[in-house]
Amino acid sequence: MSTPSPREIVDRFLRASAANAWDDLADLYAPDAMVEIPFAPEGVPARSQGRELFRARFKAAAPLRRFEKAAPVVVHETRDPEVVIVEYDLHGSMTRSGRPFVFSYVMVMRIRDGLIVHSRDYANPLAGAEFRDELAEAIRQ
């Protein structure tokens, strides 16, 4: 069985996110993966490490919001075969209020041996501001 390409891992990442498949999403990360959020809002860590920490955060936030689709998606492959840049919008709604949202992301992902080993995640801080209190509570764990 061959190792999936970084592009294939990105496709799996987007499918798992849109399907709210949190274990599948966490399993795409290396055990010691690092995620950086350079423009993290107050209360959200700018750096986090470890697949199981990510799994716990994904599951903690799951009851708060429901994703429906990732679109549009643009994937940029780079000269470095491990690095992929992904631009996408994640559409969904908050479970309590039913209010719809669209969160826009740019992620610079380093994928090695079929696993995400590092990611720098950029999001529009204003788009999620109205939901920040609900989401930050789950991410603080």
N, C-alpha and C. Protein backbone atom coordinates (compact mmCIF):
# COMPACT_ATOMS: atom_id res chain seq x y z
N MET A 1 0.86 -1.18 0.00
CA MET A 1 0.00 0.00 0.00
C MET A 1 0.90 1.24 0.00
N SER A 2 0.63 2.16 -0.88
CA SER A 2 1.47 3.36 -0.98
C SER A 2 1.00 4.44 -0.02
N THR A 3 1.92 5.31 0.32
CA THR A 3 1.63 6.43 1.20
C THR A 3 0.82 7.47 0.43
N PRO A 4 -0.26 7.97 1.00
CA PRO A 4 -1.04 8.99 0.29
C PRO A 4 -0.23 10.27 0.10
N SER A 5 -0.48 10.94 -1.00
CA SER A 5 0.21 12.20 -1.30
C SER A 5 -0.32 13.31 -0.38
N PRO A 6 0.44 14.39 -0.25
CA PRO A 6 -0.08 15.53 0.51
C PRO A 6 -1.44 16.00 -0.02
N ARG A 7 -1.61 16.01 -1.31
CA ARG A 7 -2.90 16.43 -1.90
C ARG A 7 -4.03 15.50 -1.44
N GLU A 8 -3.76 14.21 -1.40
CA GLU A 8 -4.78 13.26 -0.93
C GLU A 8 -5.10 13.49 0.55
N ILE A 9 -4.10 13.80 1.34
CA ILE A 9 -4.34 14.07 2.76
C ILE A 9 -5.19 15.34 2.92
N VAL A 10 -4.92 16.36 2.12
CA VAL A 10 -5.74 17.59 2.16
C VAL A 10 -7.18 17.25 1.80
N ASP A 11 -7.38 16.45 0.78
CA ASP A 11 -8.75 16.05 0.40
C ASP A 11 -9.44 15.32 1.55
N ARG A 12 -8.73 14.42 2.21
CA ARG A 12 -9.29 13.70 3.36
C ARG A 12 -9.59 14.66 4.51
N PHE A 13 -8.70 15.62 4.73
CA PHE A 13 -8.88 16.63 5.77
C PHE A 13 -10.18 17.40 5.54
N LEU A 14 -10.38 17.85 4.31
CA LEU A 14 -11.58 18.64 3.99
C LEU A 14 -12.85 17.80 4.09
N ARG A 15 -12.79 16.55 3.61
CA ARG A 15 -13.96 15.66 3.71
C ARG A 15 -14.30 15.38 5.18
N ALA A 16 -13.29 15.08 6.00
CA ALA A 16 -13.54 14.79 7.41
C ALA A 16 -14.10 16.03 8.13
N SER A 17 -13.57 17.21 7.81
CA SER A 17 -14.07 18.44 8.42
C SER A 17 -15.54 18.66 8.08
N ALA A 18 -15.87 18.57 6.80
CA ALA A 18 -17.25 18.81 6.35
C ALA A 18 -18.20 17.74 6.86
N ALA A 19 -17.69 16.54 7.13
CA ALA A 19 -18.53 15.44 7.62
C ALA A 19 -18.59 15.38 9.14
N ASN A 20 -17.89 16.31 9.82
CA ASN A 20 -17.86 16.31 11.29
C ASN A 20 -17.34 14.97 11.81
N ALA A 21 -16.37 14.42 11.11
CA ALA A 21 -15.77 13.13 11.46
C ALA A 21 -14.49 13.38 12.25
N TRP A 22 -14.64 13.63 13.55
CA TRP A 22 -13.54 14.16 14.36
C TRP A 22 -12.41 13.17 14.58
N ASP A 23 -12.72 11.90 14.75
CA ASP A 23 -11.65 10.92 14.89
C ASP A 23 -10.88 10.78 13.58
N ASP A 24 -11.60 10.75 12.47
CA ASP A 24 -10.93 10.68 11.16
C ASP A 24 -10.03 11.89 10.95
N LEU A 25 -10.51 13.06 11.34
CA LEU A 25 -9.72 14.28 11.20
C LEU A 25 -8.47 14.21 12.08
N ALA A 26 -8.61 13.85 13.33
CA ALA A 26 -7.46 13.76 14.24
C ALA A 26 -6.44 12.74 13.74
N ASP A 27 -6.91 11.66 13.17
CA ASP A 27 -6.01 10.60 12.69
C ASP A 27 -5.14 11.05 11.52
N LEU A 28 -5.45 12.17 10.91
CA LEU A 28 -4.63 12.70 9.81
C LEU A 28 -3.37 13.41 10.33
N TYR A 29 -3.32 13.69 11.63
CA TYR A 29 -2.18 14.38 12.24
C TYR A 29 -1.18 13.36 12.80
N ALA A 30 0.10 13.70 12.71
CA ALA A 30 1.14 12.91 13.36
C ALA A 30 0.96 13.01 14.87
N PRO A 31 1.41 12.00 15.63
CA PRO A 31 1.24 12.05 17.08
C PRO A 31 1.80 13.31 17.73
N ASP A 32 2.89 13.85 17.19
CA ASP A 32 3.51 15.06 17.76
C ASP A 32 3.33 16.29 16.88
N ALA A 33 2.32 16.30 16.05
CA ALA A 33 2.09 17.42 15.13
C ALA A 33 1.97 18.74 15.88
N MET A 34 2.38 19.80 15.20
CA MET A 34 2.30 21.16 15.75
C MET A 34 1.33 21.96 14.90
N VAL A 35 0.43 22.68 15.55
CA VAL A 35 -0.47 23.61 14.87
C VAL A 35 -0.21 25.00 15.44
N GLU A 36 0.02 25.94 14.54
CA GLU A 36 0.22 27.33 14.92
C GLU A 36 -0.93 28.16 14.37
N ILE A 37 -1.41 29.09 15.16
CA ILE A 37 -2.46 30.03 14.74
C ILE A 37 -1.89 31.42 15.00
N PRO A 38 -1.19 31.98 14.00
CA PRO A 38 -0.50 33.26 14.22
C PRO A 38 -1.41 34.39 14.68
N PHE A 39 -2.65 34.40 14.25
CA PHE A 39 -3.56 35.47 14.64
C PHE A 39 -4.66 34.94 15.54
N ALA A 40 -4.28 34.09 16.48
CA ALA A 40 -5.25 33.48 17.38
C ALA A 40 -5.96 34.56 18.20
N PRO A 41 -7.27 34.46 18.29
CA PRO A 41 -8.00 35.42 19.13
C PRO A 41 -7.68 35.16 20.60
N GLU A 42 -7.97 36.14 21.42
CA GLU A 42 -7.74 36.01 22.85
C GLU A 42 -8.41 34.74 23.38
N GLY A 43 -7.69 34.03 24.21
CA GLY A 43 -8.23 32.81 24.80
C GLY A 43 -7.96 31.55 24.00
N VAL A 44 -7.40 31.69 22.80
CA VAL A 44 -7.08 30.54 21.96
C VAL A 44 -5.56 30.44 21.88
N PRO A 45 -4.99 29.27 22.18
CA PRO A 45 -3.54 29.14 22.14
C PRO A 45 -2.98 29.37 20.73
N ALA A 46 -1.87 30.09 20.65
CA ALA A 46 -1.24 30.34 19.36
C ALA A 46 -0.46 29.13 18.85
N ARG A 47 -0.08 28.23 19.75
CA ARG A 47 0.64 27.01 19.38
C ARG A 47 0.10 25.86 20.20
N SER A 48 -0.11 24.75 19.53
CA SER A 48 -0.58 23.54 20.20
C SER A 48 0.12 22.34 19.57
N GLN A 49 0.32 21.30 20.38
CA GLN A 49 1.01 20.14 19.86
C GLN A 49 0.36 18.86 20.34
N GLY A 50 0.22 17.92 19.40
CA GLY A 50 -0.21 16.58 19.74
C GLY A 50 -1.57 16.19 19.20
N ARG A 51 -1.57 15.06 18.50
CA ARG A 51 -2.80 14.53 17.88
C ARG A 51 -3.92 14.39 18.90
N GLU A 52 -3.62 13.86 20.08
CA GLU A 52 -4.69 13.60 21.04
C GLU A 52 -5.27 14.89 21.62
N LEU A 53 -4.45 15.92 21.74
CA LEU A 53 -4.97 17.23 22.13
C LEU A 53 -5.93 17.75 21.07
N PHE A 54 -5.54 17.62 19.79
CA PHE A 54 -6.42 18.07 18.70
C PHE A 54 -7.72 17.27 18.70
N ARG A 55 -7.61 15.96 18.90
CA ARG A 55 -8.81 15.12 18.93
C ARG A 55 -9.76 15.61 20.03
N ALA A 56 -9.22 15.87 21.21
CA ALA A 56 -10.06 16.34 22.33
C ALA A 56 -10.71 17.67 22.01
N ARG A 57 -9.97 18.57 21.39
CA ARG A 57 -10.54 19.88 21.03
C ARG A 57 -11.62 19.75 19.97
N PHE A 58 -11.36 18.92 18.96
CA PHE A 58 -12.38 18.72 17.91
C PHE A 58 -13.68 18.22 18.54
N LYS A 59 -13.55 17.25 19.43
CA LYS A 59 -14.75 16.67 20.05
C LYS A 59 -15.41 17.63 21.03
N ALA A 60 -14.62 18.45 21.71
CA ALA A 60 -15.19 19.42 22.65
C ALA A 60 -16.01 20.47 21.92
N ALA A 61 -15.56 20.88 20.73
CA ALA A 61 -16.27 21.90 19.96
C ALA A 61 -17.44 21.32 19.16
N ALA A 62 -17.45 20.01 18.96
CA ALA A 62 -18.47 19.38 18.11
C ALA A 62 -19.91 19.71 18.50
N PRO A 63 -20.28 19.72 19.78
CA PRO A 63 -21.67 20.02 20.10
C PRO A 63 -22.08 21.47 19.82
N LEU A 64 -21.11 22.34 19.60
CA LEU A 64 -21.40 23.76 19.43
C LEU A 64 -21.75 24.15 18.01
N ARG A 65 -21.17 23.41 17.04
CA ARG A 65 -21.40 23.78 15.65
C ARG A 65 -21.37 22.54 14.77
N ARG A 66 -22.02 22.69 13.63
CA ARG A 66 -22.13 21.59 12.67
C ARG A 66 -21.68 22.09 11.32
N PHE A 67 -20.69 21.43 10.74
CA PHE A 67 -20.22 21.80 9.40
C PHE A 67 -21.04 21.05 8.36
N GLU A 68 -21.16 21.68 7.18
CA GLU A 68 -21.94 21.10 6.10
C GLU A 68 -21.12 20.87 4.84
N LYS A 69 -20.23 21.82 4.54
CA LYS A 69 -19.42 21.67 3.32
C LYS A 69 -18.22 22.60 3.37
N ALA A 70 -17.22 22.24 2.58
CA ALA A 70 -16.05 23.08 2.37
C ALA A 70 -16.07 23.49 0.91
N ALA A 71 -16.30 24.77 0.66
CA ALA A 71 -16.36 25.27 -0.72
C ALA A 71 -16.36 26.79 -0.71
N PRO A 72 -15.70 27.42 -1.60
CA PRO A 72 -14.79 26.83 -2.59
C PRO A 72 -13.48 26.41 -1.92
N VAL A 73 -12.75 25.56 -2.62
CA VAL A 73 -11.45 25.07 -2.14
C VAL A 73 -10.42 25.31 -3.23
N VAL A 74 -9.27 25.86 -2.84
CA VAL A 74 -8.15 26.01 -3.76
C VAL A 74 -6.94 25.41 -3.07
N VAL A 75 -6.26 24.49 -3.74
CA VAL A 75 -5.07 23.85 -3.20
C VAL A 75 -3.88 24.27 -4.05
N HIS A 76 -2.86 24.77 -3.37
CA HIS A 76 -1.63 25.19 -4.04
C HIS A 76 -0.53 24.21 -3.64
N GLU A 77 0.01 23.52 -4.61
CA GLU A 77 1.17 22.67 -4.35
C GLU A 77 2.40 23.55 -4.51
N THR A 78 3.43 23.28 -3.73
CA THR A 78 4.62 24.13 -3.72
C THR A 78 5.83 23.36 -4.24
N ARG A 79 6.94 24.06 -4.33
CA ARG A 79 8.18 23.40 -4.75
C ARG A 79 8.66 22.38 -3.74
N ASP A 80 8.30 22.60 -2.48
CA ASP A 80 8.62 21.63 -1.43
C ASP A 80 7.53 20.56 -1.49
N PRO A 81 7.87 19.32 -1.80
CA PRO A 81 6.83 18.29 -1.98
C PRO A 81 6.02 17.99 -0.72
N GLU A 82 6.50 18.42 0.45
CA GLU A 82 5.76 18.19 1.70
C GLU A 82 4.79 19.32 2.03
N VAL A 83 4.92 20.46 1.37
CA VAL A 83 4.14 21.65 1.76
C VAL A 83 3.01 21.91 0.76
N VAL A 84 1.81 22.08 1.31
CA VAL A 84 0.62 22.38 0.53
C VAL A 84 -0.06 23.57 1.20
N ILE A 85 -0.56 24.50 0.39
CA ILE A 85 -1.31 25.64 0.91
C ILE A 85 -2.76 25.44 0.49
N VAL A 86 -3.67 25.53 1.44
CA VAL A 86 -5.08 25.27 1.19
C VAL A 86 -5.89 26.50 1.57
N GLU A 87 -6.71 26.98 0.64
CA GLU A 87 -7.66 28.06 0.90
C GLU A 87 -9.05 27.44 0.81
N TYR A 88 -9.87 27.68 1.82
CA TYR A 88 -11.23 27.13 1.77
C TYR A 88 -12.17 27.88 2.69
N ASP A 89 -13.44 27.75 2.39
CA ASP A 89 -14.51 28.26 3.24
C ASP A 89 -15.23 27.05 3.82
N LEU A 90 -15.46 27.09 5.12
CA LEU A 90 -16.18 26.02 5.79
C LEU A 90 -17.55 26.56 6.18
N HIS A 91 -18.59 25.94 5.63
CA HIS A 91 -19.98 26.37 5.83
C HIS A 91 -20.62 25.49 6.89
N GLY A 92 -21.40 26.10 7.75
CA GLY A 92 -22.10 25.34 8.76
C GLY A 92 -23.07 26.19 9.53
N SER A 93 -23.44 25.70 10.71
CA SER A 93 -24.35 26.46 11.57
C SER A 93 -24.05 26.13 13.03
N MET A 94 -24.39 27.08 13.88
CA MET A 94 -24.24 26.88 15.32
C MET A 94 -25.42 26.02 15.79
N THR A 95 -25.15 25.04 16.61
CA THR A 95 -26.22 24.11 16.97
C THR A 95 -27.26 24.72 17.89
N ARG A 96 -26.83 25.58 18.82
CA ARG A 96 -27.79 26.17 19.76
C ARG A 96 -28.75 27.13 19.06
N SER A 97 -28.19 28.05 18.30
CA SER A 97 -29.01 29.09 17.68
C SER A 97 -29.47 28.74 16.27
N GLY A 98 -28.78 27.81 15.63
CA GLY A 98 -29.10 27.49 14.25
C GLY A 98 -28.56 28.52 13.26
N ARG A 99 -27.85 29.52 13.78
CA ARG A 99 -27.33 30.57 12.89
C ARG A 99 -26.27 30.01 11.96
N PRO A 100 -26.41 30.30 10.68
CA PRO A 100 -25.40 29.82 9.73
C PRO A 100 -24.12 30.65 9.81
N PHE A 101 -23.02 30.06 9.37
CA PHE A 101 -21.75 30.77 9.30
C PHE A 101 -20.94 30.27 8.12
N VAL A 102 -19.99 31.07 7.74
CA VAL A 102 -18.96 30.69 6.77
C VAL A 102 -17.65 31.18 7.35
N PHE A 103 -16.77 30.25 7.66
CA PHE A 103 -15.44 30.58 8.16
C PHE A 103 -14.45 30.36 7.04
N SER A 104 -13.63 31.37 6.76
CA SER A 104 -12.63 31.28 5.69
C SER A 104 -11.26 30.99 6.29
N TYR A 105 -10.54 30.07 5.66
CA TYR A 105 -9.23 29.64 6.16
C TYR A 105 -8.19 29.63 5.05
N VAL A 106 -6.95 29.84 5.46
CA VAL A 106 -5.78 29.53 4.66
C VAL A 106 -4.88 28.72 5.59
N MET A 107 -4.49 27.54 5.14
CA MET A 107 -3.63 26.69 5.95
C MET A 107 -2.38 26.34 5.15
N VAL A 108 -1.24 26.48 5.80
CA VAL A 108 0.02 26.04 5.22
C VAL A 108 0.37 24.76 5.96
N MET A 109 0.27 23.64 5.25
CA MET A 109 0.42 22.34 5.88
C MET A 109 1.69 21.64 5.40
N ARG A 110 2.41 21.05 6.34
CA ARG A 110 3.54 20.18 6.00
C ARG A 110 3.07 18.76 6.28
N ILE A 111 3.10 17.95 5.24
CA ILE A 111 2.59 16.58 5.32
C ILE A 111 3.73 15.64 4.96
N ARG A 112 4.04 14.75 5.89
CA ARG A 112 5.16 13.82 5.70
C ARG A 112 4.67 12.41 5.99
N ASP A 113 4.99 11.50 5.11
CA ASP A 113 4.63 10.08 5.29
C ASP A 113 3.13 9.91 5.54
N GLY A 114 2.32 10.73 4.85
CA GLY A 114 0.87 10.59 4.94
C GLY A 114 0.22 11.19 6.16
N LEU A 115 0.97 12.00 6.94
CA LEU A 115 0.41 12.64 8.13
C LEU A 115 0.77 14.12 8.16
N ILE A 116 -0.12 14.92 8.70
CA ILE A 116 0.14 16.35 8.89
C ILE A 116 1.10 16.46 10.08
N VAL A 117 2.28 17.03 9.83
CA VAL A 117 3.26 17.19 10.91
C VAL A 117 3.30 18.63 11.43
N HIS A 118 2.87 19.57 10.60
CA HIS A 118 2.86 20.98 11.00
C HIS A 118 1.82 21.72 10.18
N SER A 119 1.17 22.67 10.81
CA SER A 119 0.19 23.48 10.11
C SER A 119 0.20 24.88 10.69
N ARG A 120 0.17 25.85 9.81
CA ARG A 120 -0.04 27.25 10.22
C ARG A 120 -1.42 27.62 9.69
N ASP A 121 -2.32 27.96 10.58
CA ASP A 121 -3.71 28.19 10.24
C ASP A 121 -4.05 29.66 10.36
N TYR A 122 -4.59 30.19 9.28
CA TYR A 122 -4.99 31.59 9.24
C TYR A 122 -6.49 31.64 8.98
N ALA A 123 -7.19 32.39 9.80
CA ALA A 123 -8.64 32.54 9.65
C ALA A 123 -8.99 34.01 9.79
N ASN A 124 -10.14 34.38 9.27
CA ASN A 124 -10.63 35.74 9.41
C ASN A 124 -11.18 35.90 10.82
N PRO A 125 -10.49 36.65 11.68
CA PRO A 125 -10.94 36.75 13.07
C PRO A 125 -12.28 37.46 13.21
N LEU A 126 -12.64 38.29 12.26
CA LEU A 126 -13.92 39.01 12.36
C LEU A 126 -15.10 38.10 12.04
N ALA A 127 -14.91 37.16 11.13
CA ALA A 127 -16.02 36.28 10.73
C ALA A 127 -16.52 35.45 11.90
N GLY A 128 -15.61 35.00 12.75
CA GLY A 128 -16.03 34.17 13.88
C GLY A 128 -16.23 34.92 15.17
N ALA A 129 -16.08 36.24 15.14
CA ALA A 129 -16.13 37.02 16.38
C ALA A 129 -17.44 36.82 17.14
N GLU A 130 -18.54 36.75 16.44
CA GLU A 130 -19.82 36.63 17.14
C GLU A 130 -20.00 35.26 17.79
N PHE A 131 -19.18 34.28 17.38
CA PHE A 131 -19.27 32.94 17.96
C PHE A 131 -18.08 32.65 18.88
N ARG A 132 -17.21 33.62 19.06
CA ARG A 132 -15.94 33.41 19.75
C ARG A 132 -16.11 32.85 21.16
N ASP A 133 -17.02 33.38 21.92
CA ASP A 133 -17.18 32.90 23.29
C ASP A 133 -17.56 31.43 23.32
N GLU A 134 -18.48 31.04 22.45
CA GLU A 134 -18.90 29.64 22.41
C GLU A 134 -17.75 28.73 22.01
N LEU A 135 -16.99 29.12 20.97
CA LEU A 135 -15.92 28.28 20.46
C LEU A 135 -14.68 28.30 21.35
N ALA A 136 -14.34 29.44 21.89
CA ALA A 136 -13.14 29.55 22.73
C ALA A 136 -13.25 28.66 23.96
N GLU A 137 -14.44 28.54 24.50
CA GLU A 137 -14.62 27.69 25.68
C GLU A 137 -14.20 26.26 25.39
N ALA A 138 -14.52 25.77 24.21
CA ALA A 138 -14.16 24.40 23.85
C ALA A 138 -12.68 24.25 23.56
N ILE A 139 -12.07 25.28 22.99
CA ILE A 139 -10.66 25.21 22.58
C ILE A 139 -9.72 25.35 23.78
N ARG A 140 -10.15 25.98 24.85
CA ARG A 140 -9.28 26.24 26.02
C ARG A 140 -8.87 24.97 26.77
N GLN A 141 -9.53 23.88 26.55
CA GLN A 141 -9.24 22.65 27.31
C GLN A 141 -7.78 22.32 27.33
